[in-house]
Amino acid sequence: MSQYARFSFLCVLLSLLTCCTPASEHQVMELRGATMGTFYSIQVVELSPVIEPTRLRNRIEAELDLVNDLMSTYRDDSELSDFNRSRTTDWFAVSPALAELVQEALRASEVSDGAFDVTVGPLVNLWGFGPGSGSDTLPADAEIARAKVRVGYRKLSVRSDPPALKKSESTLYVDLSAIAKGYGVDRLAGLLDAIGIADYLIEIGGELRGRGYNGQGLPWRIAVERPDPEGRAVHRILALRDGAIATSGDYRNFFGQDGRRYSHTIDPKTGYPVTHRLASVTVLAPRTARADTMATAFLVLGPQAGFDLAESLRIPALFIVRTPEGYSELQTSAFVDHLSSSPDMDR
């Protein structure tokens, strides 16, 4: 699924949800633009007259440019690209922001026992899901074994004072795309909070964070997509207020060969695409970067191991599992608690 398609579908859903509610009592301003190979959308309720929209957009763009400067693997001059090119196994000085984000990624790796791993890029590329890649030939076992030598979150270290990264394997390659959009959303939330905006919804490529209320004075209403590769439909509507939502799924980005389906979701331990029945995972968290990493980890782990981990961590998560009859749901206890406490949740 292209990021553009994901963004467009979400915007349509949000528009439909708005049409189904009473006439807006408050003015909502929306800013849109391109970033990180996808698009962003920011909805602000009752923007203060002292905040000029053009200046706000410029500040938003500056924050997003900074994220790209730090961690884009598509830019040769980004800080992360400099680290990836380096063959030193000594400490490599980086900005505090990049060190902080890598620390968040490694935290997710630790709690998921490596299901989330920002060093998995060589395997992703080998299977044809990386930037500019794609092949009709399945990788050989020997190729997978060679790529796995370059993969492993324990080969990556981070420190905060002074901020630096370190690799124990000189060819280690770090790709933060599984957390970068969530991090970008969180940076924008910090910006809006700092200038006193109380009610907003931020989205980058399908990762969302909301605060306060929408134009009708209700919590923001977010659609979880039904994981159907043949079409697009709403599976469930969630209410979001003062929190973040991220969804990971395998139902858009995959290929088929010899009657078998190969997902873009690669298990770092095996080196192969996952084969379980888990179609998508939606996670709620205080911050989008955290929701982003854990949704990915749960998707790699699968319907049982992923659910058990989410339950043990008390994380609100919705698992949608393929069955012979269609789809079934698994809801963690924390997710059920969220539904029962939400004033505006609807199937």
C-alpha atoms as a PDB file:
ATOM      1  CA  MET A   1       0.000   0.000   0.000  1.00  0.00           C
ATOM      2  CA  SER A   2       1.498   3.312  -0.961  1.00  0.00           C
ATOM      3  CA  GLN A   3       1.704   5.955   1.717  1.00  0.00           C
ATOM      4  CA  TYR A   4      -0.295   8.271  -0.538  1.00  0.00           C
ATOM      5  CA  ALA A   5      -3.137   5.775  -0.799  1.00  0.00           C
ATOM      6  CA  ARG A   6      -3.146   5.273   2.947  1.00  0.00           C
ATOM      7  CA  PHE A   7      -3.282   9.029   3.561  1.00  0.00           C
ATOM      8  CA  SER A   8      -6.013   9.610   0.975  1.00  0.00           C
ATOM      9  CA  PHE A   9      -8.209   6.844   2.392  1.00  0.00           C
ATOM     10  CA  LEU A  10      -7.833   8.203   5.896  1.00  0.00           C
ATOM     11  CA  CYS A  11      -8.774  11.714   4.801  1.00  0.00           C
ATOM     12  CA  VAL A  12     -11.895  10.382   3.072  1.00  0.00           C
ATOM     13  CA  LEU A  13     -12.859   8.521   6.231  1.00  0.00           C
ATOM     14  CA  LEU A  14     -12.365  11.580   8.385  1.00  0.00           C
ATOM     15  CA  SER A  15     -14.471  13.630   5.980  1.00  0.00           C
ATOM     16  CA  LEU A  16     -17.262  11.049   6.074  1.00  0.00           C
ATOM     17  CA  LEU A  17     -17.171  10.974   9.851  1.00  0.00           C
ATOM     18  CA  THR A  18     -17.427  14.739   9.994  1.00  0.00           C
ATOM     19  CA  CYS A  19     -20.451  14.660   7.681  1.00  0.00           C
ATOM     20  CA  CYS A  20     -22.178  12.213   9.985  1.00  0.00           C
ATOM     21  CA  THR A  21     -21.952  14.513  13.004  1.00  0.00           C
ATOM     22  CA  PRO A  22     -23.941  17.697  13.770  1.00  0.00           C
ATOM     23  CA  ALA A  23     -23.005  20.933  12.063  1.00  0.00           C
ATOM     24  CA  SER A  24     -19.681  22.233  13.263  1.00  0.00           C
ATOM     25  CA  GLU A  25     -19.874  24.701  16.140  1.00  0.00           C
ATOM     26  CA  HIS A  26     -16.211  25.660  15.889  1.00  0.00           C
ATOM     27  CA  GLN A  27     -14.067  26.586  12.928  1.00  0.00           C
ATOM     28  CA  VAL A  28     -11.542  23.939  11.923  1.00  0.00           C
ATOM     29  CA  MET A  29      -8.461  24.858   9.900  1.00  0.00           C
ATOM     30  CA  GLU A  30      -6.550  22.125   8.068  1.00  0.00           C
ATOM     31  CA  LEU A  31      -2.972  22.281   6.815  1.00  0.00           C
ATOM     32  CA  ARG A  32      -1.644  19.631   4.429  1.00  0.00           C
ATOM     33  CA  GLY A  33       1.667  18.981   2.784  1.00  0.00           C
ATOM     34  CA  ALA A  34       4.243  16.409   1.704  1.00  0.00           C
ATOM     35  CA  THR A  35       6.862  14.868   3.954  1.00  0.00           C
ATOM     36  CA  MET A  36       8.874  11.639   4.387  1.00  0.00           C
ATOM     37  CA  GLY A  37       7.655  10.197   1.102  1.00  0.00           C
ATOM     38  CA  THR A  38       4.034  10.617   2.193  1.00  0.00           C
ATOM     39  CA  PHE A  39       1.730  13.426   3.344  1.00  0.00           C
ATOM     40  CA  TYR A  40       0.786  15.163   6.553  1.00  0.00           C
ATOM     41  CA  SER A  41      -2.494  16.639   7.706  1.00  0.00           C
ATOM     42  CA  ILE A  42      -3.051  18.895  10.712  1.00  0.00           C
ATOM     43  CA  GLN A  43      -6.518  19.939  11.842  1.00  0.00           C
ATOM     44  CA  VAL A  44      -6.726  22.774  14.356  1.00  0.00           C
ATOM     45  CA  VAL A  45      -9.929  23.905  16.061  1.00  0.00           C
ATOM     46  CA  GLU A  46     -10.452  27.655  16.558  1.00  0.00           C
ATOM     47  CA  LEU A  47      -6.953  28.866  15.710  1.00  0.00           C
ATOM     48  CA  SER A  48      -6.167  31.929  17.786  1.00  0.00           C
ATOM     49  CA  PRO A  49      -6.152  35.167  15.748  1.00  0.00           C
ATOM     50  CA  VAL A  50      -2.675  35.929  17.089  1.00  0.00           C
ATOM     51  CA  ILE A  51      -1.322  32.835  15.292  1.00  0.00           C
ATOM     52  CA  GLU A  52      -0.832  33.566  11.592  1.00  0.00           C
ATOM     53  CA  PRO A  53      -1.513  30.437   9.466  1.00  0.00           C
ATOM     54  CA  THR A  54       1.396  31.023   7.090  1.00  0.00           C
ATOM     55  CA  ARG A  55       3.874  31.351   9.931  1.00  0.00           C
ATOM     56  CA  LEU A  56       2.407  28.232  11.551  1.00  0.00           C
ATOM     57  CA  ARG A  57       2.851  26.275   8.331  1.00  0.00           C
ATOM     58  CA  ASN A  58       6.458  27.473   8.064  1.00  0.00           C
ATOM     59  CA  ARG A  59       7.192  26.276  11.589  1.00  0.00           C
ATOM     60  CA  ILE A  60       5.558  22.922  10.851  1.00  0.00           C
ATOM     61  CA  GLU A  61       7.619  22.520   7.685  1.00  0.00           C
ATOM     62  CA  ALA A  62      10.778  23.408   9.602  1.00  0.00           C
ATOM     63  CA  GLU A  63      10.086  20.682  12.173  1.00  0.00           C
ATOM     64  CA  LEU A  64       9.498  18.107   9.451  1.00  0.00           C
ATOM     65  CA  ASP A  65      12.627  19.193   7.576  1.00  0.00           C
ATOM     66  CA  LEU A  66      14.587  18.636  10.771  1.00  0.00           C
ATOM     67  CA  VAL A  67      13.267  15.069  11.037  1.00  0.00           C
ATOM     68  CA  ASN A  68      14.393  14.391   7.463  1.00  0.00           C
ATOM     69  CA  ASP A  69      17.776  16.010   8.172  1.00  0.00           C
ATOM     70  CA  LEU A  70      18.242  13.626  11.069  1.00  0.00           C
ATOM     71  CA  MET A  71      16.986  10.258   9.856  1.00  0.00           C
ATOM     72  CA  SER A  72      16.116  10.051   6.176  1.00  0.00           C
ATOM     73  CA  THR A  73      17.766   7.082   4.443  1.00  0.00           C
ATOM     74  CA  TYR A  74      16.782   8.650   1.102  1.00  0.00           C
ATOM     75  CA  ARG A  75      19.095  11.616   1.697  1.00  0.00           C
ATOM     76  CA  ASP A  76      22.840  11.118   1.510  1.00  0.00           C
ATOM     77  CA  ASP A  77      23.432  14.159   3.714  1.00  0.00           C
ATOM     78  CA  SER A  78      21.211  13.114   6.621  1.00  0.00           C
ATOM     79  CA  GLU A  79      22.779  12.405   9.984  1.00  0.00           C
ATOM     80  CA  LEU A  80      21.638   8.779   9.869  1.00  0.00           C
ATOM     81  CA  SER A  81      23.080   8.283   6.374  1.00  0.00           C
ATOM     82  CA  ASP A  82      26.429   9.564   7.658  1.00  0.00           C
ATOM     83  CA  PHE A  83      26.325   6.957  10.417  1.00  0.00           C
ATOM     84  CA  ASN A  84      25.322   4.161   8.031  1.00  0.00           C
ATOM     85  CA  ARG A  85      28.191   5.022   5.659  1.00  0.00           C
ATOM     86  CA  SER A  86      30.729   5.000   8.439  1.00  0.00           C
ATOM     87  CA  ARG A  87      32.641   1.761   8.936  1.00  0.00           C
ATOM     88  CA  THR A  88      33.957   2.656  12.362  1.00  0.00           C
ATOM     89  CA  THR A  89      32.980   0.573  15.353  1.00  0.00           C
ATOM     90  CA  ASP A  90      33.859   3.438  17.718  1.00  0.00           C
ATOM     91  CA  TRP A  91      31.317   5.893  19.111  1.00  0.00           C
ATOM     92  CA  PHE A  92      29.901   8.127  16.377  1.00  0.00           C
ATOM     93  CA  ALA A  93      28.716  11.565  17.522  1.00  0.00           C
ATOM     94  CA  VAL A  94      25.080  12.395  16.694  1.00  0.00           C
ATOM     95  CA  SER A  95      22.498  14.958  17.746  1.00  0.00           C
ATOM     96  CA  PRO A  96      20.559  14.492  21.009  1.00  0.00           C
ATOM     97  CA  ALA A  97      17.346  14.041  18.991  1.00  0.00           C
ATOM     98  CA  LEU A  98      18.722  11.136  16.937  1.00  0.00           C
ATOM     99  CA  ALA A  99      20.181   9.483  20.023  1.00  0.00           C
ATOM    100  CA  GLU A 100      16.835   9.813  21.790  1.00  0.00           C
ATOM    101  CA  LEU A 101      14.957   8.231  18.898  1.00  0.00           C
ATOM    102  CA  VAL A 102      17.386   5.317  18.611  1.00  0.00           C
ATOM    103  CA  GLN A 103      16.998   4.802  22.359  1.00  0.00           C
ATOM    104  CA  GLU A 104      13.227   4.556  21.882  1.00  0.00           C
ATOM    105  CA  ALA A 105      13.726   2.051  19.062  1.00  0.00           C
ATOM    106  CA  LEU A 106      16.075  -0.082  21.157  1.00  0.00           C
ATOM    107  CA  ARG A 107      13.607  -0.014  24.053  1.00  0.00           C
ATOM    108  CA  ALA A 108      10.981  -1.503  21.721  1.00  0.00           C
ATOM    109  CA  SER A 109      13.512  -4.108  20.582  1.00  0.00           C
ATOM    110  CA  GLU A 110      14.267  -5.106  24.160  1.00  0.00           C
ATOM    111  CA  VAL A 111      10.652  -5.501  25.290  1.00  0.00           C
ATOM    112  CA  SER A 112       9.737  -7.404  22.104  1.00  0.00           C
ATOM    113  CA  ASP A 113      12.880  -9.593  22.141  1.00  0.00           C
ATOM    114  CA  GLY A 114      13.931  -8.253  18.750  1.00  0.00           C
ATOM    115  CA  ALA A 115      10.593  -8.415  16.929  1.00  0.00           C
ATOM    116  CA  PHE A 116      11.027  -4.681  16.348  1.00  0.00           C
ATOM    117  CA  ASP A 117      14.490  -4.097  14.914  1.00  0.00           C
ATOM    118  CA  VAL A 118      15.698  -0.990  13.065  1.00  0.00           C
ATOM    119  CA  THR A 119      18.652  -2.955  11.645  1.00  0.00           C
ATOM    120  CA  VAL A 120      16.424  -5.283   9.580  1.00  0.00           C
ATOM    121  CA  GLY A 121      16.903  -3.207   6.399  1.00  0.00           C
ATOM    122  CA  PRO A 122      19.254  -5.655   4.588  1.00  0.00           C
ATOM    123  CA  LEU A 123      16.593  -8.367   4.818  1.00  0.00           C
ATOM    124  CA  VAL A 124      13.797  -6.029   3.759  1.00  0.00           C
ATOM    125  CA  ASN A 125      15.820  -4.986   0.716  1.00  0.00           C
ATOM    126  CA  LEU A 126      16.709  -8.584  -0.106  1.00  0.00           C
ATOM    127  CA  TRP A 127      13.025  -9.537  -0.226  1.00  0.00           C
ATOM    128  CA  GLY A 128      12.284  -6.642  -2.594  1.00  0.00           C
ATOM    129  CA  PHE A 129      10.486  -4.321  -0.189  1.00  0.00           C
ATOM    130  CA  GLY A 130      13.180  -1.687   0.217  1.00  0.00           C
ATOM    131  CA  PRO A 131      13.634   1.592  -1.665  1.00  0.00           C
ATOM    132  CA  GLY A 132      14.239   1.026  -5.361  1.00  0.00           C
ATOM    133  CA  SER A 133      14.253  -2.745  -4.968  1.00  0.00           C
ATOM    134  CA  GLY A 134      12.032  -5.420  -6.405  1.00  0.00           C
ATOM    135  CA  SER A 135      12.658  -8.790  -7.982  1.00  0.00           C
ATOM    136  CA  ASP A 136      10.720 -11.722  -9.377  1.00  0.00           C
ATOM    137  CA  THR A 137      13.257 -14.117  -7.880  1.00  0.00           C
ATOM    138  CA  LEU A 138      12.970 -15.290  -4.295  1.00  0.00           C
ATOM    139  CA  PRO A 139      16.194 -14.900  -2.309  1.00  0.00           C
ATOM    140  CA  ALA A 140      18.180 -18.068  -1.710  1.00  0.00           C
ATOM    141  CA  ASP A 141      18.745 -19.399   1.794  1.00  0.00           C
ATOM    142  CA  ALA A 142      22.440 -18.527   1.522  1.00  0.00           C
ATOM    143  CA  GLU A 143      21.611 -14.907   0.641  1.00  0.00           C
ATOM    144  CA  ILE A 144      19.289 -14.656   3.634  1.00  0.00           C
ATOM    145  CA  ALA A 145      21.972 -16.091   5.901  1.00  0.00           C
ATOM    146  CA  ARG A 146      24.491 -13.514   4.659  1.00  0.00           C
ATOM    147  CA  ALA A 147      22.051 -10.661   5.181  1.00  0.00           C
ATOM    148  CA  LYS A 148      21.257 -11.818   8.724  1.00  0.00           C
ATOM    149  CA  VAL A 149      24.908 -11.317   9.668  1.00  0.00           C
ATOM    150  CA  ARG A 150      24.297  -7.584   9.263  1.00  0.00           C
ATOM    151  CA  VAL A 151      21.073  -7.617  11.315  1.00  0.00           C
ATOM    152  CA  GLY A 152      20.595  -7.489  15.071  1.00  0.00           C
ATOM    153  CA  TYR A 153      19.606  -4.687  17.407  1.00  0.00           C
ATOM    154  CA  ARG A 154      22.189  -5.806  19.981  1.00  0.00           C
ATOM    155  CA  LYS A 155      24.868  -4.757  17.485  1.00  0.00           C
ATOM    156  CA  LEU A 156      23.691  -1.144  17.904  1.00  0.00           C
ATOM    157  CA  SER A 157      24.413   0.934  21.012  1.00  0.00           C
ATOM    158  CA  VAL A 158      23.414   4.450  22.035  1.00  0.00           C
ATOM    159  CA  ARG A 159      24.468   6.881  24.713  1.00  0.00           C
ATOM    160  CA  SER A 160      23.038  10.268  25.650  1.00  0.00           C
ATOM    161  CA  ASP A 161      25.998  12.110  27.206  1.00  0.00           C
ATOM    162  CA  PRO A 162      27.594  12.972  24.896  1.00  0.00           C
ATOM    163  CA  PRO A 163      25.033  11.727  22.357  1.00  0.00           C
ATOM    164  CA  ALA A 164      26.487   9.057  20.098  1.00  0.00           C
ATOM    165  CA  LEU A 165      25.755   5.763  18.331  1.00  0.00           C
ATOM    166  CA  LYS A 166      27.983   2.731  18.050  1.00  0.00           C
ATOM    167  CA  LYS A 167      27.884  -0.391  15.881  1.00  0.00           C
ATOM    168  CA  SER A 168      29.679  -3.640  16.637  1.00  0.00           C
ATOM    169  CA  GLU A 169      29.263  -4.773  13.011  1.00  0.00           C
ATOM    170  CA  SER A 170      30.905  -2.279  10.655  1.00  0.00           C
ATOM    171  CA  THR A 171      28.308  -2.776   7.882  1.00  0.00           C
ATOM    172  CA  LEU A 172      25.306  -2.378  10.205  1.00  0.00           C
ATOM    173  CA  TYR A 173      22.557  -0.393   8.498  1.00  0.00           C
ATOM    174  CA  VAL A 174      19.941   1.477  10.544  1.00  0.00           C
ATOM    175  CA  ASP A 175      16.579   2.356   9.040  1.00  0.00           C
ATOM    176  CA  LEU A 176      14.211   4.349  11.263  1.00  0.00           C
ATOM    177  CA  SER A 177      11.303   4.430   8.813  1.00  0.00           C
ATOM    178  CA  ALA A 178       9.207   2.280  11.170  1.00  0.00           C
ATOM    179  CA  ILE A 179       9.360   5.003  13.817  1.00  0.00           C
ATOM    180  CA  ALA A 180      10.172   8.226  11.930  1.00  0.00           C
ATOM    181  CA  LYS A 181       6.585   9.172  11.025  1.00  0.00           C
ATOM    182  CA  GLY A 182       5.457   8.649  14.600  1.00  0.00           C
ATOM    183  CA  TYR A 183       8.373  10.730  15.819  1.00  0.00           C
ATOM    184  CA  GLY A 184       7.460  13.469  13.340  1.00  0.00           C
ATOM    185  CA  VAL A 185       3.893  13.497  14.646  1.00  0.00           C
ATOM    186  CA  ASP A 186       5.192  13.823  18.208  1.00  0.00           C
ATOM    187  CA  ARG A 187       7.442  16.743  17.267  1.00  0.00           C
ATOM    188  CA  LEU A 188       4.508  18.542  15.684  1.00  0.00           C
ATOM    189  CA  ALA A 189       2.400  17.889  18.774  1.00  0.00           C
ATOM    190  CA  GLY A 190       5.150  19.440  20.874  1.00  0.00           C
ATOM    191  CA  LEU A 191       5.155  22.487  18.610  1.00  0.00           C
ATOM    192  CA  LEU A 192       1.376  22.963  18.804  1.00  0.00           C
ATOM    193  CA  ASP A 193       1.408  22.471  22.571  1.00  0.00           C
ATOM    194  CA  ALA A 194       4.184  25.043  22.962  1.00  0.00           C
ATOM    195  CA  ILE A 195       2.268  27.756  21.103  1.00  0.00           C
ATOM    196  CA  GLY A 196      -0.918  27.108  23.039  1.00  0.00           C
ATOM    197  CA  ILE A 197      -3.105  25.193  20.576  1.00  0.00           C
ATOM    198  CA  ALA A 198      -5.473  23.087  22.679  1.00  0.00           C
ATOM    199  CA  ASP A 199      -7.492  21.105  20.113  1.00  0.00           C
ATOM    200  CA  TYR A 200      -5.799  19.401  17.166  1.00  0.00           C
ATOM    201  CA  LEU A 201      -5.395  16.213  15.174  1.00  0.00           C
ATOM    202  CA  ILE A 202      -2.053  15.446  13.500  1.00  0.00           C
ATOM    203  CA  GLU A 203      -1.501  12.704  10.943  1.00  0.00           C
ATOM    204  CA  ILE A 204       1.562  11.622   8.956  1.00  0.00           C
ATOM    205  CA  GLY A 205       1.155   8.661   6.637  1.00  0.00           C
ATOM    206  CA  GLY A 206      -1.567   7.118   8.792  1.00  0.00           C
ATOM    207  CA  GLU A 207       0.036   7.678  12.218  1.00  0.00           C
ATOM    208  CA  LEU A 208      -2.060  10.005  14.377  1.00  0.00           C
ATOM    209  CA  ARG A 209      -2.043  12.024  17.557  1.00  0.00           C
ATOM    210  CA  GLY A 210      -4.889  14.119  18.875  1.00  0.00           C
ATOM    211  CA  ARG A 211      -5.531  16.522  21.692  1.00  0.00           C
ATOM    212  CA  GLY A 212      -8.736  18.017  22.990  1.00  0.00           C
ATOM    213  CA  TYR A 213     -11.853  17.943  20.854  1.00  0.00           C
ATOM    214  CA  ASN A 214     -12.952  18.246  17.247  1.00  0.00           C
ATOM    215  CA  GLY A 215     -15.140  20.971  15.765  1.00  0.00           C
ATOM    216  CA  GLN A 216     -18.271  19.448  17.297  1.00  0.00           C
ATOM    217  CA  GLY A 217     -16.792  19.453  20.791  1.00  0.00           C
ATOM    218  CA  LEU A 218     -16.363  15.649  20.722  1.00  0.00           C
ATOM    219  CA  PRO A 219     -13.231  13.475  20.875  1.00  0.00           C
ATOM    220  CA  TRP A 220     -11.590  13.009  17.491  1.00  0.00           C
ATOM    221  CA  ARG A 221     -13.079  10.021  15.646  1.00  0.00           C
ATOM    222  CA  ILE A 222     -10.582   7.745  13.915  1.00  0.00           C
ATOM    223  CA  ALA A 223     -11.405   4.926  11.514  1.00  0.00           C
ATOM    224  CA  VAL A 224      -9.557   1.622  11.711  1.00  0.00           C
ATOM    225  CA  GLU A 225      -9.462   0.144   8.215  1.00  0.00           C
ATOM    226  CA  ARG A 226     -10.724  -3.354   7.535  1.00  0.00           C
ATOM    227  CA  PRO A 227      -7.605  -5.317   6.449  1.00  0.00           C
ATOM    228  CA  ASP A 228      -8.982  -6.337   3.075  1.00  0.00           C
ATOM    229  CA  PRO A 229      -6.477  -6.218   0.182  1.00  0.00           C
ATOM    230  CA  GLU A 230      -9.346  -6.218  -2.348  1.00  0.00           C
ATOM    231  CA  GLY A 231     -11.084  -3.062  -1.138  1.00  0.00           C
ATOM    232  CA  ARG A 232     -11.382  -0.362   1.488  1.00  0.00           C
ATOM    233  CA  ALA A 233     -13.906  -0.246   4.285  1.00  0.00           C
ATOM    234  CA  VAL A 234     -14.174   0.881   7.895  1.00  0.00           C
ATOM    235  CA  HIS A 235     -13.760  -1.895  10.444  1.00  0.00           C
ATOM    236  CA  ARG A 236     -14.212   0.150  13.620  1.00  0.00           C
ATOM    237  CA  ILE A 237     -14.363   3.760  14.779  1.00  0.00           C
ATOM    238  CA  LEU A 238     -12.266   4.814  17.762  1.00  0.00           C
ATOM    239  CA  ALA A 239     -12.449   7.963  19.844  1.00  0.00           C
ATOM    240  CA  LEU A 240      -9.131   9.719  20.351  1.00  0.00           C
ATOM    241  CA  ARG A 241      -8.441  12.434  22.879  1.00  0.00           C
ATOM    242  CA  ASP A 242      -5.019  13.293  24.283  1.00  0.00           C
ATOM    243  CA  GLY A 243      -3.255  10.308  22.787  1.00  0.00           C
ATOM    244  CA  ALA A 244      -1.892   8.578  19.708  1.00  0.00           C
ATOM    245  CA  ILE A 245      -2.923   5.740  17.391  1.00  0.00           C
ATOM    246  CA  ALA A 246      -0.787   3.703  14.994  1.00  0.00           C
ATOM    247  CA  THR A 247      -1.716   0.705  12.853  1.00  0.00           C
ATOM    248  CA  SER A 248       0.576  -1.864  11.246  1.00  0.00           C
ATOM    249  CA  GLY A 249      -0.762  -4.313   8.673  1.00  0.00           C
ATOM    250  CA  ASP A 250       0.399  -6.732   6.002  1.00  0.00           C
ATOM    251  CA  TYR A 251      -2.563  -6.460   3.653  1.00  0.00           C
ATOM    252  CA  ARG A 252      -1.318  -3.808   1.193  1.00  0.00           C
ATOM    253  CA  ASN A 253       2.382  -4.416   0.712  1.00  0.00           C
ATOM    254  CA  PHE A 254       3.008  -8.002  -0.392  1.00  0.00           C
ATOM    255  CA  PHE A 255       3.631 -10.098  -3.491  1.00  0.00           C
ATOM    256  CA  GLY A 256       2.519 -13.528  -4.621  1.00  0.00           C
ATOM    257  CA  GLN A 257       4.538 -16.249  -6.301  1.00  0.00           C
ATOM    258  CA  ASP A 258       3.727 -19.898  -7.041  1.00  0.00           C
ATOM    259  CA  GLY A 259       0.477 -19.598  -5.144  1.00  0.00           C
ATOM    260  CA  ARG A 260       2.136 -18.268  -1.999  1.00  0.00           C
ATOM    261  CA  ARG A 261       1.781 -14.829  -0.426  1.00  0.00           C
ATOM    262  CA  TYR A 262       4.911 -13.023   0.806  1.00  0.00           C
ATOM    263  CA  SER A 263       4.327 -10.145   3.234  1.00  0.00           C
ATOM    264  CA  HIS A 264       6.596  -7.116   3.616  1.00  0.00           C
ATOM    265  CA  THR A 265       6.641  -7.865   7.360  1.00  0.00           C
ATOM    266  CA  ILE A 266       9.996  -9.594   7.880  1.00  0.00           C
ATOM    267  CA  ASP A 267      10.811 -11.497  11.050  1.00  0.00           C
ATOM    268  CA  PRO A 268      14.369 -10.394  11.959  1.00  0.00           C
ATOM    269  CA  LYS A 269      15.047 -13.720  13.677  1.00  0.00           C
ATOM    270  CA  THR A 270      14.189 -15.978  10.748  1.00  0.00           C
ATOM    271  CA  GLY A 271      14.969 -13.606   7.896  1.00  0.00           C
ATOM    272  CA  TYR A 272      11.704 -14.578   6.187  1.00  0.00           C
ATOM    273  CA  PRO A 273       8.314 -12.861   5.821  1.00  0.00           C
ATOM    274  CA  VAL A 274       5.876 -13.767   8.580  1.00  0.00           C
ATOM    275  CA  THR A 275       3.344 -16.477   7.737  1.00  0.00           C
ATOM    276  CA  HIS A 276       0.822 -16.140  10.565  1.00  0.00           C
ATOM    277  CA  ARG A 277      -2.811 -15.028  10.276  1.00  0.00           C
ATOM    278  CA  LEU A 278      -2.485 -11.626  11.942  1.00  0.00           C
ATOM    279  CA  ALA A 279      -3.618  -9.004   9.394  1.00  0.00           C
ATOM    280  CA  SER A 280      -3.282  -5.779  11.376  1.00  0.00           C
ATOM    281  CA  VAL A 281      -2.612  -4.356  14.822  1.00  0.00           C
ATOM    282  CA  THR A 282      -3.813  -0.986  16.090  1.00  0.00           C
ATOM    283  CA  VAL A 283      -2.104   0.415  19.191  1.00  0.00           C
ATOM    284  CA  LEU A 284      -3.032   3.349  21.408  1.00  0.00           C
ATOM    285  CA  ALA A 285      -0.308   5.124  23.367  1.00  0.00           C
ATOM    286  CA  PRO A 286       0.509   8.532  24.847  1.00  0.00           C
ATOM    287  CA  ARG A 287       3.033   9.170  22.062  1.00  0.00           C
ATOM    288  CA  THR A 288       2.918   8.191  18.415  1.00  0.00           C
ATOM    289  CA  ALA A 289       6.493   6.910  18.229  1.00  0.00           C
ATOM    290  CA  ARG A 290       5.678   4.411  20.984  1.00  0.00           C
ATOM    291  CA  ALA A 291       2.460   3.314  19.270  1.00  0.00           C
ATOM    292  CA  ASP A 292       4.365   2.992  15.984  1.00  0.00           C
ATOM    293  CA  THR A 293       7.076   0.696  17.336  1.00  0.00           C
ATOM    294  CA  MET A 294       4.766  -1.556  19.329  1.00  0.00           C
ATOM    295  CA  ALA A 295       2.275  -2.007  16.480  1.00  0.00           C
ATOM    296  CA  THR A 296       5.152  -3.210  14.300  1.00  0.00           C
ATOM    297  CA  ALA A 297       6.491  -5.509  17.017  1.00  0.00           C
ATOM    298  CA  PHE A 298       3.094  -7.111  17.639  1.00  0.00           C
ATOM    299  CA  LEU A 299       2.559  -7.640  13.912  1.00  0.00           C
ATOM    300  CA  VAL A 300       5.871  -9.487  13.635  1.00  0.00           C
ATOM    301  CA  LEU A 301       5.137 -11.632  16.684  1.00  0.00           C
ATOM    302  CA  GLY A 302       1.727 -12.728  15.446  1.00  0.00           C
ATOM    303  CA  PRO A 303      -1.741 -13.171  16.937  1.00  0.00           C
ATOM    304  CA  GLN A 304      -0.795 -15.197  20.002  1.00  0.00           C
ATOM    305  CA  ALA A 305       2.692 -14.061  21.017  1.00  0.00           C
ATOM    306  CA  GLY A 306       1.920 -10.469  20.043  1.00  0.00           C
ATOM    307  CA  PHE A 307      -1.324 -10.441  21.983  1.00  0.00           C
ATOM    308  CA  ASP A 308       0.296 -12.008  25.038  1.00  0.00           C
ATOM    309  CA  LEU A 309       3.038  -9.369  25.054  1.00  0.00           C
ATOM    310  CA  ALA A 310       0.568  -6.505  24.623  1.00  0.00           C
ATOM    311  CA  GLU A 311      -1.541  -7.910  27.456  1.00  0.00           C
ATOM    312  CA  SER A 312       1.450  -8.268  29.762  1.00  0.00           C
ATOM    313  CA  LEU A 313       2.522  -4.682  29.053  1.00  0.00           C
ATOM    314  CA  ARG A 314      -1.028  -3.374  29.581  1.00  0.00           C
ATOM    315  CA  ILE A 315      -1.004  -1.781  26.128  1.00  0.00           C
ATOM    316  CA  PRO A 316      -4.363  -0.940  24.493  1.00  0.00           C
ATOM    317  CA  ALA A 317      -4.251  -2.914  21.248  1.00  0.00           C
ATOM    318  CA  LEU A 318      -6.702  -4.267  18.690  1.00  0.00           C
ATOM    319  CA  PHE A 319      -5.637  -7.367  16.739  1.00  0.00           C
ATOM    320  CA  ILE A 320      -7.510  -8.299  13.540  1.00  0.00           C
ATOM    321  CA  VAL A 321      -6.907 -11.923  12.571  1.00  0.00           C
ATOM    322  CA  ARG A 322      -7.748 -13.741   9.365  1.00  0.00           C
ATOM    323  CA  THR A 323     -10.054 -16.739   9.731  1.00  0.00           C
ATOM    324  CA  PRO A 324     -11.663 -19.093   7.184  1.00  0.00           C
ATOM    325  CA  GLU A 325     -14.891 -17.159   7.749  1.00  0.00           C
ATOM    326  CA  GLY A 326     -13.365 -13.680   7.398  1.00  0.00           C
ATOM    327  CA  TYR A 327     -11.846 -11.717  10.290  1.00  0.00           C
ATOM    328  CA  SER A 328     -11.917 -11.991  14.062  1.00  0.00           C
ATOM    329  CA  GLU A 329     -10.844  -9.531  16.748  1.00  0.00           C
ATOM    330  CA  LEU A 330      -8.623  -9.815  19.779  1.00  0.00           C
ATOM    331  CA  GLN A 331      -8.771  -6.901  22.217  1.00  0.00           C
ATOM    332  CA  THR A 332      -6.355  -6.476  25.091  1.00  0.00           C
ATOM    333  CA  SER A 333      -7.827  -5.693  28.493  1.00  0.00           C
ATOM    334  CA  ALA A 334      -6.434  -2.159  28.285  1.00  0.00           C
ATOM    335  CA  PHE A 335      -8.146  -1.700  24.916  1.00  0.00           C
ATOM    336  CA  VAL A 336     -11.462  -2.862  26.365  1.00  0.00           C
ATOM    337  CA  ASP A 337     -10.966  -0.375  29.206  1.00  0.00           C
ATOM    338  CA  HIS A 338     -10.411   2.359  26.639  1.00  0.00           C
ATOM    339  CA  LEU A 339     -13.657   1.486  24.866  1.00  0.00           C
ATOM    340  CA  SER A 340     -15.649   1.472  28.093  1.00  0.00           C
ATOM    341  CA  SER A 341     -14.281   4.864  29.117  1.00  0.00           C
ATOM    342  CA  SER A 342     -14.724   6.489  25.699  1.00  0.00           C
ATOM    343  CA  PRO A 343     -17.769   8.784  25.370  1.00  0.00           C
ATOM    344  CA  ASP A 344     -17.768   8.631  21.576  1.00  0.00           C
ATOM    345  CA  MET A 345     -16.877   5.161  20.340  1.00  0.00           C
ATOM    346  CA  ASP A 346     -18.948   3.420  17.711  1.00  0.00           C
ATOM    347  CA  ARG A 347     -18.712   0.225  15.693  1.00  0.00           C
END
